[in-house]
Protein backbone atom coordinates (compact mmCIF):
# COMPACT_ATOMS: atom_id res chain seq x y z
CA UNK A 1 0.00 0.00 0.00
CA UNK A 2 1.31 3.40 -0.91
CA UNK A 3 1.43 6.69 0.93
CA UNK A 4 -1.77 7.93 -0.67
CA UNK A 5 -4.03 4.94 -0.22
CA UNK A 6 -7.72 5.46 0.52
CA UNK A 7 -7.40 4.90 4.28
CA UNK A 8 -4.45 7.28 4.72
CA UNK A 9 -6.30 10.10 3.00
CA UNK A 10 -9.35 9.39 5.14
CA UNK A 11 -7.24 9.65 8.33
CA UNK A 12 -5.75 12.95 7.16
CA UNK A 13 -9.23 14.32 6.49
CA UNK A 14 -10.48 13.17 9.90
CA UNK A 15 -7.51 14.77 11.65
CA UNK A 16 -8.01 18.01 9.74
CA UNK A 17 -11.72 17.85 10.49
CA UNK A 18 -11.16 17.39 14.23
CA UNK A 19 -8.64 20.27 14.23
CA UNK A 20 -11.17 22.42 12.39
CA UNK A 21 -13.87 21.44 14.87
CA UNK A 22 -11.62 22.39 17.77
CA UNK A 23 -10.83 25.75 16.17
CA UNK A 24 -14.52 26.37 15.50
CA UNK A 25 -15.42 25.52 19.11
CA UNK A 26 -12.68 27.81 20.43
CA UNK A 27 -13.86 30.65 18.21
CA UNK A 28 -17.47 30.10 19.27
CA UNK A 29 -16.47 30.26 22.94
CA UNK A 30 -14.52 33.47 22.34
CA UNK A 31 -17.47 34.96 20.47
CA UNK A 32 -19.83 34.03 23.31
CA UNK A 33 -17.52 35.65 25.90
CA UNK A 34 -17.27 38.83 23.84
CA UNK A 35 -21.04 38.95 23.37
CA UNK A 36 -21.48 38.67 27.15
CA UNK A 37 -19.02 41.53 27.72
CA UNK A 38 -20.75 43.63 25.06
CA UNK A 39 -24.12 43.01 26.71
CA UNK A 40 -22.68 44.09 30.06
CA UNK A 41 -21.30 47.29 28.54
CA UNK A 42 -24.62 48.02 26.82
CA UNK A 43 -26.52 47.51 30.09
CA UNK A 44 -24.13 49.86 31.89
CA UNK A 45 -24.61 52.46 29.15
CA UNK A 46 -28.40 52.20 29.44
CA UNK A 47 -28.20 52.53 33.19
CA UNK A 48 -25.96 55.60 32.92
CA UNK A 49 -28.26 57.19 30.35
CA UNK A 50 -31.23 56.57 32.64
CA UNK A 51 -29.41 58.12 35.60
CA UNK A 52 -28.45 61.14 33.48
CA UNK A 53 -32.06 61.59 32.38
CA UNK A 54 -33.23 61.40 35.99
CA UNK A 55 -30.68 64.04 37.02
CA UNK A 56 -31.72 66.32 34.16
CA UNK A 57 -35.37 65.93 35.17
CA UNK A 58 -34.49 66.75 38.79
CA UNK A 59 -32.55 69.85 37.74
CA UNK A 60 -35.44 71.04 35.57
CA UNK A 61 -37.92 70.51 38.42
CA UNK A 62 -35.63 72.44 40.77
CA UNK A 63 -35.36 75.31 38.27
CA UNK A 64 -39.13 75.48 37.96
CA UNK A 65 -39.43 75.37 41.75
CA UNK A 66 -36.97 78.22 42.14
CA UNK A 67 -38.85 80.31 39.58
CA UNK A 68 -42.14 79.63 41.37
CA UNK A 69 -40.68 80.50 44.78
CA UNK A 70 -38.83 83.56 43.52
CA UNK A 71 -40.69 85.03 40.54
CA UNK A 72 -38.23 87.92 40.34
CA UNK A 73 -35.13 85.75 40.59
CA UNK A 74 -34.48 85.91 36.86
CA UNK A 75 -34.86 89.71 36.73
CA UNK A 76 -32.76 90.17 39.86
CA UNK A 77 -30.03 87.95 38.45
CA UNK A 78 -29.98 89.94 35.19
CA UNK A 79 -29.78 93.23 37.12
CA UNK A 80 -27.04 91.83 39.34
CA UNK A 81 -24.99 90.80 36.32
CA UNK A 82 -25.48 94.22 34.68
CA UNK A 83 -24.34 96.16 37.73
CA UNK A 84 -21.52 93.91 38.97
CA UNK A 85 -18.11 94.60 37.45
CA UNK A 86 -16.40 91.57 35.96
CA UNK A 87 -13.06 90.61 37.47
CA UNK A 88 -10.80 88.10 35.77
CA UNK A 89 -10.28 84.83 37.56
CA UNK A 90 -6.61 84.17 38.12
CA UNK A 91 -6.95 81.00 40.12
CA UNK A 92 -4.72 82.41 42.85
CA UNK A 93 -5.94 83.22 46.31
CA UNK A 94 -5.86 86.88 47.21
CA UNK A 95 -3.74 87.60 50.27
C-alpha atoms as a PDB file:
ATOM      1  CA  UNK A   1       0.000   0.000   0.000  1.00  0.00           C
ATOM      2  CA  UNK A   2       1.311   3.403  -0.911  1.00  0.00           C
ATOM      3  CA  UNK A   3       1.426   6.694   0.926  1.00  0.00           C
ATOM      4  CA  UNK A   4      -1.774   7.934  -0.666  1.00  0.00           C
ATOM      5  CA  UNK A   5      -4.025   4.942  -0.222  1.00  0.00           C
ATOM      6  CA  UNK A   6      -7.716   5.456   0.517  1.00  0.00           C
ATOM      7  CA  UNK A   7      -7.395   4.897   4.278  1.00  0.00           C
ATOM      8  CA  UNK A   8      -4.448   7.276   4.716  1.00  0.00           C
ATOM      9  CA  UNK A   9      -6.296  10.105   3.001  1.00  0.00           C
ATOM     10  CA  UNK A  10      -9.349   9.393   5.144  1.00  0.00           C
ATOM     11  CA  UNK A  11      -7.237   9.653   8.332  1.00  0.00           C
ATOM     12  CA  UNK A  12      -5.754  12.950   7.159  1.00  0.00           C
ATOM     13  CA  UNK A  13      -9.229  14.317   6.490  1.00  0.00           C
ATOM     14  CA  UNK A  14     -10.476  13.169   9.900  1.00  0.00           C
ATOM     15  CA  UNK A  15      -7.507  14.767  11.648  1.00  0.00           C
ATOM     16  CA  UNK A  16      -8.013  18.013   9.744  1.00  0.00           C
ATOM     17  CA  UNK A  17     -11.722  17.848  10.488  1.00  0.00           C
ATOM     18  CA  UNK A  18     -11.155  17.386  14.229  1.00  0.00           C
ATOM     19  CA  UNK A  19      -8.645  20.274  14.227  1.00  0.00           C
ATOM     20  CA  UNK A  20     -11.171  22.424  12.393  1.00  0.00           C
ATOM     21  CA  UNK A  21     -13.870  21.440  14.868  1.00  0.00           C
ATOM     22  CA  UNK A  22     -11.619  22.391  17.774  1.00  0.00           C
ATOM     23  CA  UNK A  23     -10.832  25.752  16.166  1.00  0.00           C
ATOM     24  CA  UNK A  24     -14.524  26.367  15.501  1.00  0.00           C
ATOM     25  CA  UNK A  25     -15.422  25.517  19.108  1.00  0.00           C
ATOM     26  CA  UNK A  26     -12.679  27.810  20.430  1.00  0.00           C
ATOM     27  CA  UNK A  27     -13.856  30.649  18.206  1.00  0.00           C
ATOM     28  CA  UNK A  28     -17.474  30.100  19.268  1.00  0.00           C
ATOM     29  CA  UNK A  29     -16.474  30.260  22.941  1.00  0.00           C
ATOM     30  CA  UNK A  30     -14.518  33.474  22.339  1.00  0.00           C
ATOM     31  CA  UNK A  31     -17.474  34.960  20.470  1.00  0.00           C
ATOM     32  CA  UNK A  32     -19.829  34.034  23.313  1.00  0.00           C
ATOM     33  CA  UNK A  33     -17.521  35.651  25.904  1.00  0.00           C
ATOM     34  CA  UNK A  34     -17.267  38.834  23.839  1.00  0.00           C
ATOM     35  CA  UNK A  35     -21.044  38.947  23.369  1.00  0.00           C
ATOM     36  CA  UNK A  36     -21.478  38.670  27.153  1.00  0.00           C
ATOM     37  CA  UNK A  37     -19.018  41.530  27.717  1.00  0.00           C
ATOM     38  CA  UNK A  38     -20.749  43.630  25.057  1.00  0.00           C
ATOM     39  CA  UNK A  39     -24.118  43.005  26.710  1.00  0.00           C
ATOM     40  CA  UNK A  40     -22.683  44.090  30.065  1.00  0.00           C
ATOM     41  CA  UNK A  41     -21.304  47.292  28.543  1.00  0.00           C
ATOM     42  CA  UNK A  42     -24.621  48.016  26.823  1.00  0.00           C
ATOM     43  CA  UNK A  43     -26.520  47.509  30.088  1.00  0.00           C
ATOM     44  CA  UNK A  44     -24.135  49.858  31.892  1.00  0.00           C
ATOM     45  CA  UNK A  45     -24.607  52.462  29.155  1.00  0.00           C
ATOM     46  CA  UNK A  46     -28.397  52.199  29.435  1.00  0.00           C
ATOM     47  CA  UNK A  47     -28.197  52.532  33.195  1.00  0.00           C
ATOM     48  CA  UNK A  48     -25.955  55.602  32.918  1.00  0.00           C
ATOM     49  CA  UNK A  49     -28.260  57.186  30.349  1.00  0.00           C
ATOM     50  CA  UNK A  50     -31.226  56.567  32.638  1.00  0.00           C
ATOM     51  CA  UNK A  51     -29.410  58.118  35.604  1.00  0.00           C
ATOM     52  CA  UNK A  52     -28.452  61.136  33.479  1.00  0.00           C
ATOM     53  CA  UNK A  53     -32.059  61.590  32.378  1.00  0.00           C
ATOM     54  CA  UNK A  54     -33.232  61.404  35.992  1.00  0.00           C
ATOM     55  CA  UNK A  55     -30.685  64.043  37.021  1.00  0.00           C
ATOM     56  CA  UNK A  56     -31.722  66.321  34.161  1.00  0.00           C
ATOM     57  CA  UNK A  57     -35.372  65.933  35.171  1.00  0.00           C
ATOM     58  CA  UNK A  58     -34.490  66.749  38.788  1.00  0.00           C
ATOM     59  CA  UNK A  59     -32.548  69.853  37.737  1.00  0.00           C
ATOM     60  CA  UNK A  60     -35.442  71.035  35.571  1.00  0.00           C
ATOM     61  CA  UNK A  61     -37.924  70.509  38.420  1.00  0.00           C
ATOM     62  CA  UNK A  62     -35.635  72.441  40.765  1.00  0.00           C
ATOM     63  CA  UNK A  63     -35.360  75.310  38.271  1.00  0.00           C
ATOM     64  CA  UNK A  64     -39.132  75.481  37.964  1.00  0.00           C
ATOM     65  CA  UNK A  65     -39.429  75.368  41.752  1.00  0.00           C
ATOM     66  CA  UNK A  66     -36.972  78.222  42.135  1.00  0.00           C
ATOM     67  CA  UNK A  67     -38.849  80.310  39.585  1.00  0.00           C
ATOM     68  CA  UNK A  68     -42.136  79.632  41.374  1.00  0.00           C
ATOM     69  CA  UNK A  69     -40.678  80.505  44.780  1.00  0.00           C
ATOM     70  CA  UNK A  70     -38.828  83.556  43.521  1.00  0.00           C
ATOM     71  CA  UNK A  71     -40.692  85.028  40.543  1.00  0.00           C
ATOM     72  CA  UNK A  72     -38.233  87.917  40.341  1.00  0.00           C
ATOM     73  CA  UNK A  73     -35.133  85.750  40.585  1.00  0.00           C
ATOM     74  CA  UNK A  74     -34.481  85.914  36.864  1.00  0.00           C
ATOM     75  CA  UNK A  75     -34.856  89.710  36.725  1.00  0.00           C
ATOM     76  CA  UNK A  76     -32.759  90.167  39.862  1.00  0.00           C
ATOM     77  CA  UNK A  77     -30.030  87.948  38.446  1.00  0.00           C
ATOM     78  CA  UNK A  78     -29.976  89.938  35.192  1.00  0.00           C
ATOM     79  CA  UNK A  79     -29.777  93.226  37.120  1.00  0.00           C
ATOM     80  CA  UNK A  80     -27.037  91.827  39.344  1.00  0.00           C
ATOM     81  CA  UNK A  81     -24.987  90.800  36.316  1.00  0.00           C
ATOM     82  CA  UNK A  82     -25.485  94.215  34.681  1.00  0.00           C
ATOM     83  CA  UNK A  83     -24.345  96.162  37.731  1.00  0.00           C
ATOM     84  CA  UNK A  84     -21.520  93.912  38.974  1.00  0.00           C
ATOM     85  CA  UNK A  85     -18.106  94.600  37.446  1.00  0.00           C
ATOM     86  CA  UNK A  86     -16.397  91.572  35.964  1.00  0.00           C
ATOM     87  CA  UNK A  87     -13.059  90.608  37.471  1.00  0.00           C
ATOM     88  CA  UNK A  88     -10.801  88.105  35.769  1.00  0.00           C
ATOM     89  CA  UNK A  89     -10.284  84.826  37.565  1.00  0.00           C
ATOM     90  CA  UNK A  90      -6.612  84.165  38.123  1.00  0.00           C
ATOM     91  CA  UNK A  91      -6.954  81.000  40.123  1.00  0.00           C
ATOM     92  CA  UNK A  92      -4.721  82.406  42.846  1.00  0.00           C
ATOM     93  CA  UNK A  93      -5.944  83.215  46.310  1.00  0.00           C
ATOM     94  CA  UNK A  94      -5.861  86.875  47.211  1.00  0.00           C
ATOM     95  CA  UNK A  95      -3.741  87.604  50.275  1.00  0.00           C
END
